[in-house]
């Protein structure tokens, strides 16, 4: 099998603190398709510019992602915004780019491409992943990195940083960051209650 060459699974002993990442250069779209057909369940897999990246998310990574998802859901309930969670659905634009976001959503109606994708960056990925999302035509991307969330909006063919979400128009990146960062030490139940109470 293709994955026999990769010496998988990736060591999971350090997963509580940091992600583990394997990048493979000189790969083809067919190689990427083989990996996304179920051979590497549990890994986030992306493809761009001949490079396949496999990520095994840490526990802290998953904690932050879950808190962000919980707060998005809470926002939608507060403002009665219809939403459809797409989770880590694999997004593809063959043969250019493929990506599995940490979580993603469409709003108001179901769509094949998410309106919003969220990326949590511990030791894997950078905002350079915006290049992948550009080819996937995702309208808005959030990155959590170094205890800060930044919002990016696709304008024409490039992403520009925005302070207030286009999709969730009552939400600023600065406001959201202060609640998300509590996710490593506090229960999401408490964080969600405080977040909802603080919304206008």
N, C-alpha and C. Protein backbone atom coordinates (compact mmCIF):
# COMPACT_ATOMS: atom_id res chain seq x y z
N UNK A 1 0.83 -1.20 0.00
CA UNK A 1 0.00 0.00 0.00
C UNK A 1 0.87 1.25 0.00
N UNK A 2 0.31 2.33 -0.50
CA UNK A 2 1.06 3.59 -0.60
C UNK A 2 1.59 4.03 0.75
N UNK A 3 0.76 3.90 1.82
CA UNK A 3 1.17 4.42 3.13
C UNK A 3 2.27 3.59 3.77
N UNK A 4 2.55 2.38 3.26
CA UNK A 4 3.65 1.60 3.81
C UNK A 4 4.98 2.34 3.66
N UNK A 5 5.06 3.19 2.64
CA UNK A 5 6.29 3.95 2.41
C UNK A 5 6.46 5.10 3.40
N UNK A 6 5.40 5.43 4.15
CA UNK A 6 5.44 6.60 5.02
C UNK A 6 5.77 6.27 6.46
N UNK A 7 5.91 4.97 6.77
CA UNK A 7 6.21 4.56 8.13
C UNK A 7 5.16 5.07 9.11
N UNK A 8 3.89 4.92 8.75
CA UNK A 8 2.78 5.33 9.62
C UNK A 8 2.40 4.17 10.53
N UNK A 9 1.76 4.38 11.68
CA UNK A 9 1.28 5.68 12.13
C UNK A 9 2.37 6.55 12.73
N UNK A 10 2.14 7.84 12.72
CA UNK A 10 3.04 8.79 13.36
C UNK A 10 3.02 8.56 14.87
N UNK A 11 4.17 8.70 15.51
CA UNK A 11 4.27 8.54 16.96
C UNK A 11 3.30 9.46 17.67
N UNK A 12 2.49 8.93 18.58
CA UNK A 12 1.45 9.71 19.25
C UNK A 12 1.78 10.05 20.70
N UNK A 13 3.00 9.78 21.16
CA UNK A 13 3.32 9.96 22.58
C UNK A 13 3.28 11.42 23.02
N UNK A 14 3.53 12.34 22.12
CA UNK A 14 3.58 13.76 22.49
C UNK A 14 2.33 14.53 22.07
N UNK A 15 1.27 13.81 21.80
CA UNK A 15 0.09 14.45 21.22
C UNK A 15 -0.62 15.43 22.13
N UNK A 16 -0.40 15.34 23.45
CA UNK A 16 -1.12 16.26 24.33
C UNK A 16 -0.65 17.70 24.17
N UNK A 17 0.58 17.91 23.70
CA UNK A 17 1.12 19.26 23.63
C UNK A 17 1.33 19.79 22.21
N UNK A 18 1.71 18.94 21.29
CA UNK A 18 2.01 19.47 19.96
C UNK A 18 1.55 18.52 18.87
N UNK A 19 1.21 19.12 17.74
CA UNK A 19 0.85 18.32 16.58
C UNK A 19 2.09 17.64 16.03
N UNK A 20 1.86 16.58 15.28
CA UNK A 20 2.95 15.97 14.55
C UNK A 20 2.63 16.05 13.06
N UNK A 21 3.64 16.43 12.30
CA UNK A 21 3.43 16.73 10.89
C UNK A 21 4.45 15.99 10.03
N UNK A 22 3.97 15.50 8.91
CA UNK A 22 4.84 14.87 7.92
C UNK A 22 4.55 15.51 6.58
N UNK A 23 5.57 16.12 5.95
CA UNK A 23 5.42 16.74 4.64
C UNK A 23 6.21 15.94 3.61
N UNK A 24 5.56 15.69 2.48
CA UNK A 24 6.16 14.87 1.43
C UNK A 24 6.19 15.68 0.14
N UNK A 25 7.39 16.01 -0.32
CA UNK A 25 7.54 16.79 -1.55
C UNK A 25 7.59 15.87 -2.76
N UNK A 26 7.37 16.45 -3.93
CA UNK A 26 7.45 15.69 -5.17
C UNK A 26 6.31 14.70 -5.36
N UNK A 27 5.17 14.99 -4.77
CA UNK A 27 4.02 14.09 -4.84
C UNK A 27 3.06 14.53 -5.94
N UNK A 28 2.18 13.63 -6.32
CA UNK A 28 1.21 13.90 -7.37
C UNK A 28 -0.20 13.95 -6.80
N UNK A 29 -1.11 14.44 -7.62
CA UNK A 29 -2.51 14.46 -7.20
C UNK A 29 -3.02 13.04 -6.97
N UNK A 30 -2.57 12.07 -7.78
CA UNK A 30 -2.98 10.68 -7.59
C UNK A 30 -2.51 10.15 -6.24
N UNK A 31 -1.31 10.54 -5.82
CA UNK A 31 -0.82 10.14 -4.49
C UNK A 31 -1.75 10.68 -3.41
N UNK A 32 -2.12 11.93 -3.57
CA UNK A 32 -3.02 12.56 -2.59
C UNK A 32 -4.38 11.85 -2.56
N UNK A 33 -4.92 11.53 -3.73
CA UNK A 33 -6.21 10.85 -3.79
C UNK A 33 -6.15 9.50 -3.06
N UNK A 34 -5.04 8.77 -3.20
CA UNK A 34 -4.91 7.49 -2.53
C UNK A 34 -4.97 7.65 -1.01
N UNK A 35 -4.33 8.72 -0.52
CA UNK A 35 -4.32 8.95 0.92
C UNK A 35 -5.69 9.35 1.45
N UNK A 36 -6.47 10.03 0.65
CA UNK A 36 -7.78 10.50 1.12
C UNK A 36 -8.88 9.46 0.90
N UNK A 37 -8.52 8.30 0.41
CA UNK A 37 -9.50 7.24 0.21
C UNK A 37 -9.65 6.35 1.44
N UNK A 38 -9.12 6.79 2.57
CA UNK A 38 -9.34 6.06 3.82
C UNK A 38 -8.14 5.36 4.39
N UNK A 39 -6.98 5.48 3.73
CA UNK A 39 -5.79 4.79 4.22
C UNK A 39 -5.19 5.46 5.45
N UNK A 40 -5.49 6.73 5.65
CA UNK A 40 -4.87 7.50 6.73
C UNK A 40 -5.93 8.13 7.63
N UNK A 41 -6.88 7.35 8.07
CA UNK A 41 -7.92 7.87 8.94
C UNK A 41 -7.32 8.42 10.22
N UNK A 42 -7.81 9.57 10.66
CA UNK A 42 -7.29 10.20 11.87
C UNK A 42 -6.26 11.27 11.59
N UNK A 43 -5.79 11.36 10.36
CA UNK A 43 -4.83 12.39 9.98
C UNK A 43 -5.52 13.44 9.12
N UNK A 44 -5.13 14.70 9.27
CA UNK A 44 -5.59 15.75 8.38
C UNK A 44 -4.60 15.82 7.22
N UNK A 45 -5.12 15.74 6.02
CA UNK A 45 -4.26 15.64 4.85
C UNK A 45 -4.54 16.79 3.90
N UNK A 46 -3.48 17.41 3.41
CA UNK A 46 -3.65 18.49 2.44
C UNK A 46 -2.66 18.33 1.30
N UNK A 47 -2.98 19.00 0.19
CA UNK A 47 -2.12 18.94 -0.99
C UNK A 47 -2.07 20.31 -1.65
N UNK A 48 -0.87 20.71 -2.01
CA UNK A 48 -0.69 21.94 -2.78
C UNK A 48 0.71 21.99 -3.34
N UNK A 49 0.83 22.34 -4.59
CA UNK A 49 2.13 22.58 -5.22
C UNK A 49 3.06 21.37 -5.09
N UNK A 50 2.51 20.17 -5.24
CA UNK A 50 3.33 18.96 -5.21
C UNK A 50 3.72 18.49 -3.83
N UNK A 51 3.16 19.08 -2.79
CA UNK A 51 3.50 18.69 -1.41
C UNK A 51 2.25 18.16 -0.71
N UNK A 52 2.36 16.95 -0.16
CA UNK A 52 1.32 16.39 0.68
C UNK A 52 1.74 16.59 2.13
N UNK A 53 0.83 17.10 2.94
CA UNK A 53 1.09 17.29 4.37
C UNK A 53 0.08 16.48 5.17
N UNK A 54 0.60 15.66 6.08
CA UNK A 54 -0.23 14.88 6.99
C UNK A 54 -0.04 15.43 8.39
N UNK A 55 -1.13 15.67 9.09
CA UNK A 55 -1.07 16.22 10.44
C UNK A 55 -1.83 15.31 11.39
N UNK A 56 -1.19 14.97 12.49
CA UNK A 56 -1.86 14.26 13.58
C UNK A 56 -2.09 15.29 14.69
N UNK A 57 -3.34 15.78 14.85
CA UNK A 57 -3.59 16.88 15.79
C UNK A 57 -3.36 16.49 17.25
N UNK A 58 -2.80 17.42 18.01
CA UNK A 58 -2.60 17.21 19.44
C UNK A 58 -3.91 17.38 20.20
N UNK A 59 -3.92 16.97 21.45
CA UNK A 59 -5.10 17.16 22.29
C UNK A 59 -5.40 18.64 22.47
N UNK A 60 -4.37 19.46 22.64
CA UNK A 60 -4.58 20.91 22.78
C UNK A 60 -5.17 21.50 21.50
N UNK A 61 -4.70 21.02 20.38
CA UNK A 61 -5.24 21.44 19.08
C UNK A 61 -6.74 21.16 19.03
N UNK A 62 -7.11 19.94 19.41
CA UNK A 62 -8.52 19.55 19.38
C UNK A 62 -9.35 20.35 20.38
N UNK A 63 -8.78 20.65 21.55
CA UNK A 63 -9.49 21.47 22.53
C UNK A 63 -9.85 22.84 21.97
N UNK A 64 -8.86 23.50 21.37
CA UNK A 64 -9.10 24.83 20.81
C UNK A 64 -10.12 24.77 19.69
N UNK A 65 -10.00 23.77 18.82
CA UNK A 65 -10.95 23.63 17.72
C UNK A 65 -12.37 23.44 18.23
N UNK A 66 -12.54 22.61 19.26
CA UNK A 66 -13.88 22.36 19.80
C UNK A 66 -14.46 23.61 20.42
N UNK A 67 -13.64 24.38 21.13
CA UNK A 67 -14.14 25.63 21.73
C UNK A 67 -14.60 26.59 20.65
N UNK A 68 -13.80 26.74 19.59
CA UNK A 68 -14.20 27.63 18.49
C UNK A 68 -15.53 27.17 17.90
N UNK A 69 -15.68 25.88 17.67
CA UNK A 69 -16.92 25.35 17.11
C UNK A 69 -18.11 25.62 18.03
N UNK A 70 -17.91 25.40 19.32
CA UNK A 70 -18.97 25.63 20.30
C UNK A 70 -19.39 27.10 20.29
N UNK A 71 -18.43 28.01 20.18
CA UNK A 71 -18.75 29.44 20.19
C UNK A 71 -19.43 29.86 18.89
N UNK A 72 -19.04 29.28 17.77
CA UNK A 72 -19.74 29.57 16.51
C UNK A 72 -21.19 29.11 16.62
N UNK A 73 -21.40 27.92 17.14
CA UNK A 73 -22.77 27.41 17.31
C UNK A 73 -23.58 28.31 18.23
N UNK A 74 -22.93 28.76 19.32
CA UNK A 74 -23.62 29.64 20.28
C UNK A 74 -24.00 30.97 19.63
N UNK A 75 -23.10 31.50 18.83
CA UNK A 75 -23.38 32.75 18.10
C UNK A 75 -24.60 32.57 17.20
N UNK A 76 -24.62 31.47 16.46
CA UNK A 76 -25.74 31.23 15.53
C UNK A 76 -27.06 31.09 16.27
N UNK A 77 -27.05 30.46 17.44
CA UNK A 77 -28.28 30.36 18.24
C UNK A 77 -28.72 31.73 18.73
N UNK A 78 -27.74 32.52 19.18
CA UNK A 78 -28.04 33.85 19.72
C UNK A 78 -28.72 34.74 18.67
N UNK A 79 -28.21 34.70 17.44
CA UNK A 79 -28.71 35.58 16.39
C UNK A 79 -29.61 34.87 15.38
N UNK A 80 -29.97 33.64 15.71
CA UNK A 80 -30.87 32.86 14.86
C UNK A 80 -30.34 32.78 13.42
N UNK A 81 -29.06 32.54 13.31
CA UNK A 81 -28.41 32.41 12.01
C UNK A 81 -28.40 30.94 11.61
N UNK A 82 -29.04 30.62 10.49
CA UNK A 82 -29.09 29.24 10.02
C UNK A 82 -27.68 28.80 9.62
N UNK A 83 -27.25 27.66 10.13
CA UNK A 83 -25.91 27.18 9.81
C UNK A 83 -25.92 25.68 9.55
N UNK A 84 -24.94 25.25 8.76
CA UNK A 84 -24.76 23.85 8.43
C UNK A 84 -23.29 23.49 8.65
N UNK A 85 -22.99 22.74 9.72
CA UNK A 85 -21.59 22.37 9.97
C UNK A 85 -21.09 21.36 8.95
N UNK A 86 -19.90 21.62 8.44
CA UNK A 86 -19.27 20.71 7.49
C UNK A 86 -18.06 19.99 8.09
N UNK A 87 -17.68 20.39 9.32
CA UNK A 87 -16.57 19.72 9.99
C UNK A 87 -15.29 19.76 9.19
N UNK A 88 -14.61 18.60 9.14
CA UNK A 88 -13.34 18.49 8.42
C UNK A 88 -13.52 17.88 7.03
N UNK A 89 -14.66 18.17 6.42
CA UNK A 89 -14.92 17.68 5.06
C UNK A 89 -13.75 17.99 4.13
N UNK A 90 -13.31 17.00 3.39
CA UNK A 90 -12.21 17.21 2.45
C UNK A 90 -12.65 18.10 1.30
N UNK A 91 -11.91 19.17 1.09
CA UNK A 91 -12.19 20.12 0.01
C UNK A 91 -11.15 19.91 -1.08
N UNK A 92 -11.62 19.80 -2.32
CA UNK A 92 -10.69 19.51 -3.41
C UNK A 92 -10.95 20.39 -4.62
N UNK A 93 -9.86 20.78 -5.26
CA UNK A 93 -9.91 21.42 -6.57
C UNK A 93 -8.82 20.75 -7.41
N UNK A 94 -9.12 19.56 -7.95
CA UNK A 94 -8.08 18.81 -8.66
C UNK A 94 -7.64 19.50 -9.94
N UNK A 95 -6.36 19.41 -10.25
CA UNK A 95 -5.28 18.78 -9.50
C UNK A 95 -4.46 19.80 -8.71
N UNK A 96 -5.09 20.91 -8.30
CA UNK A 96 -4.34 22.02 -7.72
C UNK A 96 -4.19 21.95 -6.21
N UNK A 97 -5.30 21.73 -5.51
CA UNK A 97 -5.25 21.84 -4.06
C UNK A 97 -6.30 20.95 -3.41
N UNK A 98 -5.95 20.46 -2.23
CA UNK A 98 -6.88 19.71 -1.38
C UNK A 98 -6.60 20.04 0.06
N UNK A 99 -7.65 20.08 0.89
CA UNK A 99 -7.45 20.51 2.28
C UNK A 99 -8.58 19.98 3.14
N UNK A 100 -8.25 19.62 4.37
CA UNK A 100 -9.24 19.28 5.39
C UNK A 100 -9.14 20.33 6.49
N UNK A 101 -10.07 21.26 6.57
CA UNK A 101 -10.02 22.26 7.65
C UNK A 101 -10.25 21.60 8.99
N UNK A 102 -9.91 22.30 10.06
CA UNK A 102 -10.22 21.78 11.38
C UNK A 102 -11.73 21.74 11.59
N UNK A 103 -12.41 22.74 11.12
CA UNK A 103 -13.86 22.73 11.08
C UNK A 103 -14.30 23.74 10.04
N UNK A 104 -15.54 23.61 9.57
CA UNK A 104 -16.03 24.53 8.54
C UNK A 104 -17.55 24.58 8.57
N UNK A 105 -18.09 25.64 7.97
CA UNK A 105 -19.53 25.88 8.01
C UNK A 105 -20.01 26.53 6.72
N UNK A 106 -21.28 26.28 6.39
CA UNK A 106 -22.00 27.14 5.47
C UNK A 106 -23.14 27.80 6.25
N UNK A 107 -23.56 28.95 5.78
CA UNK A 107 -24.61 29.70 6.47
C UNK A 107 -25.77 29.99 5.53
N UNK A 108 -26.96 29.98 6.09
CA UNK A 108 -28.21 30.27 5.38
C UNK A 108 -28.68 29.14 4.48
N UNK A 109 -27.76 28.43 3.84
CA UNK A 109 -28.14 27.29 3.01
C UNK A 109 -26.95 26.34 2.89
N UNK A 110 -27.24 25.10 2.52
CA UNK A 110 -26.18 24.13 2.29
C UNK A 110 -25.47 24.45 0.98
N UNK A 111 -24.15 24.32 1.01
CA UNK A 111 -23.34 24.59 -0.18
C UNK A 111 -22.25 23.53 -0.27
N UNK A 112 -21.66 23.41 -1.44
CA UNK A 112 -20.59 22.42 -1.61
C UNK A 112 -19.25 22.93 -1.08
N UNK A 113 -19.09 24.25 -1.03
CA UNK A 113 -17.86 24.88 -0.51
C UNK A 113 -18.24 25.68 0.73
N UNK A 114 -17.52 25.51 1.84
CA UNK A 114 -17.88 26.24 3.06
C UNK A 114 -17.73 27.75 2.92
N UNK A 115 -18.60 28.47 3.62
CA UNK A 115 -18.45 29.92 3.72
C UNK A 115 -17.32 30.28 4.66
N UNK A 116 -17.09 29.42 5.66
CA UNK A 116 -16.08 29.68 6.69
C UNK A 116 -15.32 28.40 6.99
N UNK A 117 -13.99 28.50 6.99
CA UNK A 117 -13.12 27.40 7.41
C UNK A 117 -12.25 27.90 8.57
N UNK A 118 -11.97 27.01 9.51
CA UNK A 118 -11.19 27.36 10.70
C UNK A 118 -9.95 26.48 10.77
N UNK A 119 -8.80 27.10 11.03
CA UNK A 119 -7.54 26.39 11.19
C UNK A 119 -6.93 26.72 12.55
N UNK A 120 -6.54 25.69 13.28
CA UNK A 120 -5.83 25.85 14.55
C UNK A 120 -4.38 25.48 14.30
N UNK A 121 -3.47 26.37 14.63
CA UNK A 121 -2.06 26.15 14.34
C UNK A 121 -1.28 26.03 15.65
N UNK A 122 -0.82 24.81 15.95
CA UNK A 122 0.09 24.62 17.07
C UNK A 122 1.48 24.45 16.49
N UNK A 123 1.84 23.23 16.12
CA UNK A 123 3.15 23.04 15.49
C UNK A 123 2.98 22.63 14.04
N UNK A 124 1.74 22.72 13.53
CA UNK A 124 1.50 22.32 12.16
C UNK A 124 0.78 23.43 11.41
N UNK A 125 1.21 23.64 10.18
CA UNK A 125 0.52 24.62 9.35
C UNK A 125 0.89 26.05 9.70
N UNK A 126 0.66 26.92 8.77
CA UNK A 126 0.88 28.34 8.97
C UNK A 126 -0.19 29.06 8.15
N UNK A 127 -0.20 30.37 8.23
CA UNK A 127 -1.17 31.09 7.42
C UNK A 127 -0.83 30.97 5.93
N UNK A 128 0.32 30.35 5.61
CA UNK A 128 0.61 30.02 4.21
C UNK A 128 -0.45 29.08 3.65
N UNK A 129 -1.17 28.39 4.54
CA UNK A 129 -2.27 27.54 4.09
C UNK A 129 -3.35 28.34 3.38
N UNK A 130 -3.31 29.65 3.52
CA UNK A 130 -4.26 30.49 2.77
C UNK A 130 -4.12 30.27 1.27
N UNK A 131 -2.93 29.92 0.81
CA UNK A 131 -2.75 29.64 -0.61
C UNK A 131 -3.61 28.47 -1.04
N UNK A 132 -3.69 27.45 -0.20
CA UNK A 132 -4.54 26.30 -0.52
C UNK A 132 -6.00 26.73 -0.56
N UNK A 133 -6.41 27.50 0.44
CA UNK A 133 -7.81 27.93 0.50
C UNK A 133 -8.17 28.84 -0.67
N UNK A 134 -7.20 29.57 -1.17
CA UNK A 134 -7.45 30.44 -2.31
C UNK A 134 -7.92 29.63 -3.51
N UNK A 135 -7.26 28.48 -3.74
CA UNK A 135 -7.64 27.62 -4.85
C UNK A 135 -8.95 26.88 -4.59
N UNK A 136 -9.31 26.77 -3.32
CA UNK A 136 -10.56 26.09 -2.96
C UNK A 136 -11.73 27.07 -2.88
N UNK A 137 -11.45 28.36 -2.99
CA UNK A 137 -12.48 29.41 -3.06
C UNK A 137 -13.33 29.48 -1.80
N UNK A 138 -12.70 29.31 -0.64
CA UNK A 138 -13.41 29.47 0.63
C UNK A 138 -13.45 30.95 0.97
N UNK A 139 -14.65 31.48 1.20
CA UNK A 139 -14.83 32.93 1.35
C UNK A 139 -14.16 33.54 2.56
N UNK A 140 -14.15 32.81 3.68
CA UNK A 140 -13.56 33.35 4.91
C UNK A 140 -12.81 32.24 5.63
N UNK A 141 -11.62 32.58 6.14
CA UNK A 141 -10.80 31.61 6.86
C UNK A 141 -10.33 32.25 8.16
N UNK A 142 -10.45 31.48 9.26
CA UNK A 142 -9.94 31.93 10.55
C UNK A 142 -8.71 31.09 10.91
N UNK A 143 -7.68 31.76 11.43
CA UNK A 143 -6.50 31.07 11.95
C UNK A 143 -6.31 31.41 13.42
N UNK A 144 -6.21 30.39 14.25
CA UNK A 144 -5.80 30.57 15.64
C UNK A 144 -4.32 30.23 15.71
N UNK A 145 -3.50 31.20 16.15
CA UNK A 145 -2.05 31.03 16.20
C UNK A 145 -1.50 31.92 17.29
N UNK A 146 -0.67 31.35 18.17
CA UNK A 146 -0.03 32.13 19.25
C UNK A 146 -1.06 32.89 20.08
N UNK A 147 -2.11 32.18 20.49
CA UNK A 147 -3.15 32.74 21.36
C UNK A 147 -3.93 33.89 20.73
N UNK A 148 -3.99 33.91 19.42
CA UNK A 148 -4.69 34.98 18.73
C UNK A 148 -5.42 34.43 17.51
N UNK A 149 -6.65 34.88 17.32
CA UNK A 149 -7.39 34.51 16.12
C UNK A 149 -7.34 35.66 15.13
N UNK A 150 -7.07 35.33 13.88
CA UNK A 150 -7.13 36.32 12.82
C UNK A 150 -8.13 35.86 11.77
N UNK A 151 -8.89 36.81 11.26
CA UNK A 151 -9.90 36.55 10.24
C UNK A 151 -9.36 37.02 8.88
N UNK A 152 -9.62 36.21 7.85
CA UNK A 152 -9.22 36.57 6.49
C UNK A 152 -10.41 36.39 5.55
N UNK A 153 -10.58 37.36 4.65
CA UNK A 153 -11.69 37.35 3.70
C UNK A 153 -11.12 37.32 2.29
N UNK A 154 -11.67 36.42 1.45
CA UNK A 154 -11.23 36.32 0.07
C UNK A 154 -11.85 37.47 -0.74
N UNK A 155 -10.98 38.34 -1.25
CA UNK A 155 -11.42 39.47 -2.05
C UNK A 155 -10.76 39.34 -3.42
N UNK A 156 -11.58 39.17 -4.44
CA UNK A 156 -11.06 38.86 -5.78
C UNK A 156 -10.27 37.55 -5.71
N UNK A 157 -8.96 37.60 -5.80
CA UNK A 157 -8.17 36.36 -5.78
C UNK A 157 -7.18 36.30 -4.63
N UNK A 158 -7.32 37.20 -3.63
CA UNK A 158 -6.39 37.21 -2.51
C UNK A 158 -7.16 37.38 -1.20
N UNK A 159 -6.53 36.89 -0.13
CA UNK A 159 -7.11 37.06 1.20
C UNK A 159 -6.59 38.34 1.83
N UNK A 160 -7.50 39.06 2.48
CA UNK A 160 -7.12 40.24 3.23
C UNK A 160 -7.60 40.05 4.67
N UNK A 161 -6.79 40.54 5.61
CA UNK A 161 -7.18 40.40 7.01
C UNK A 161 -8.32 41.37 7.32
N UNK A 162 -9.30 40.88 8.06
CA UNK A 162 -10.42 41.71 8.49
C UNK A 162 -10.56 41.60 10.00
N UNK A 163 -11.01 42.66 10.63
CA UNK A 163 -11.15 42.65 12.08
C UNK A 163 -12.48 42.07 12.54
N UNK A 164 -13.50 42.22 11.70
CA UNK A 164 -14.84 41.71 12.01
C UNK A 164 -15.23 40.69 10.97
N UNK A 165 -15.77 39.57 11.40
CA UNK A 165 -16.14 38.50 10.49
C UNK A 165 -17.18 38.96 9.48
N UNK A 166 -17.02 38.52 8.25
CA UNK A 166 -18.03 38.77 7.23
C UNK A 166 -19.22 37.84 7.44
N UNK A 167 -18.95 36.59 7.79
CA UNK A 167 -20.01 35.60 7.97
C UNK A 167 -20.79 35.81 9.27
N UNK A 168 -20.08 36.15 10.34
CA UNK A 168 -20.67 36.36 11.65
C UNK A 168 -20.44 37.83 12.01
N UNK A 169 -21.30 38.68 11.50
CA UNK A 169 -21.02 40.11 11.41
C UNK A 169 -20.97 40.84 12.75
N UNK A 170 -21.40 40.20 13.83
CA UNK A 170 -21.32 40.83 15.15
C UNK A 170 -20.08 40.39 15.93
N UNK A 171 -19.17 39.70 15.25
CA UNK A 171 -18.05 39.07 15.95
C UNK A 171 -16.72 39.61 15.44
N UNK A 172 -15.92 40.16 16.36
CA UNK A 172 -14.57 40.61 16.01
C UNK A 172 -13.56 39.55 16.44
N UNK A 173 -12.42 39.55 15.79
CA UNK A 173 -11.37 38.59 16.12
C UNK A 173 -10.83 38.83 17.53
N UNK A 174 -10.72 40.07 17.91
CA UNK A 174 -10.21 40.39 19.25
C UNK A 174 -11.15 39.90 20.34
N UNK A 175 -12.45 40.10 20.13
CA UNK A 175 -13.44 39.65 21.10
C UNK A 175 -13.44 38.13 21.22
N UNK A 176 -13.41 37.43 20.09
CA UNK A 176 -13.45 35.97 20.11
C UNK A 176 -12.22 35.37 20.76
N UNK A 177 -11.06 35.97 20.51
CA UNK A 177 -9.80 35.42 21.03
C UNK A 177 -9.81 35.26 22.54
N UNK A 178 -10.38 36.23 23.24
CA UNK A 178 -10.33 36.18 24.70
C UNK A 178 -11.12 35.01 25.26
N UNK A 179 -12.11 34.52 24.54
CA UNK A 179 -12.88 33.36 25.00
C UNK A 179 -12.22 32.05 24.56
N UNK A 180 -11.74 32.01 23.33
CA UNK A 180 -11.12 30.79 22.81
C UNK A 180 -9.90 30.40 23.63
N UNK A 181 -9.10 31.39 24.01
CA UNK A 181 -7.86 31.10 24.72
C UNK A 181 -8.08 30.51 26.10
N UNK A 182 -9.29 30.60 26.62
CA UNK A 182 -9.61 29.98 27.90
C UNK A 182 -9.81 28.48 27.76
N UNK A 183 -9.88 28.00 26.51
CA UNK A 183 -10.20 26.61 26.25
C UNK A 183 -9.19 25.60 26.76
N UNK A 184 -7.95 26.03 26.98
CA UNK A 184 -6.92 25.10 27.45
C UNK A 184 -7.01 24.86 28.96
N UNK A 185 -7.74 25.70 29.67
CA UNK A 185 -7.78 25.57 31.13
C UNK A 185 -9.17 25.52 31.73
N UNK A 186 -10.21 25.89 30.95
CA UNK A 186 -11.56 25.97 31.49
C UNK A 186 -12.52 25.08 30.71
N UNK A 187 -13.63 24.77 31.35
CA UNK A 187 -14.66 23.97 30.70
C UNK A 187 -15.36 24.77 29.60
N UNK A 188 -15.59 24.15 28.45
CA UNK A 188 -16.36 24.84 27.39
C UNK A 188 -17.74 25.29 27.85
N UNK A 189 -18.32 24.61 28.83
CA UNK A 189 -19.63 24.99 29.33
C UNK A 189 -19.61 26.40 29.91
N UNK A 190 -18.57 26.68 30.70
CA UNK A 190 -18.43 28.00 31.32
C UNK A 190 -18.08 29.05 30.27
N UNK A 191 -17.19 28.69 29.36
CA UNK A 191 -16.77 29.63 28.32
C UNK A 191 -17.96 30.02 27.45
N UNK A 192 -18.76 29.04 27.04
CA UNK A 192 -19.91 29.31 26.20
C UNK A 192 -20.91 30.23 26.89
N UNK A 193 -21.16 29.99 28.19
CA UNK A 193 -22.11 30.83 28.93
C UNK A 193 -21.62 32.27 29.00
N UNK A 194 -20.33 32.46 29.28
CA UNK A 194 -19.77 33.81 29.36
C UNK A 194 -19.79 34.50 27.99
N UNK A 195 -19.49 33.75 26.97
CA UNK A 195 -19.50 34.28 25.60
C UNK A 195 -20.89 34.75 25.21
N UNK A 196 -21.88 33.91 25.43
CA UNK A 196 -23.25 34.27 25.07
C UNK A 196 -23.73 35.48 25.83
N UNK A 197 -23.40 35.55 27.12
CA UNK A 197 -23.79 36.70 27.94
C UNK A 197 -23.14 37.99 27.46
N UNK A 198 -21.96 37.88 26.84
CA UNK A 198 -21.22 39.08 26.42
C UNK A 198 -21.60 39.57 25.04
N UNK A 199 -22.34 38.77 24.29
CA UNK A 199 -22.80 39.20 22.97
C UNK A 199 -23.87 40.26 23.10
N UNK A 200 -23.89 41.23 22.20
CA UNK A 200 -24.91 42.28 22.22
C UNK A 200 -26.29 41.69 21.94
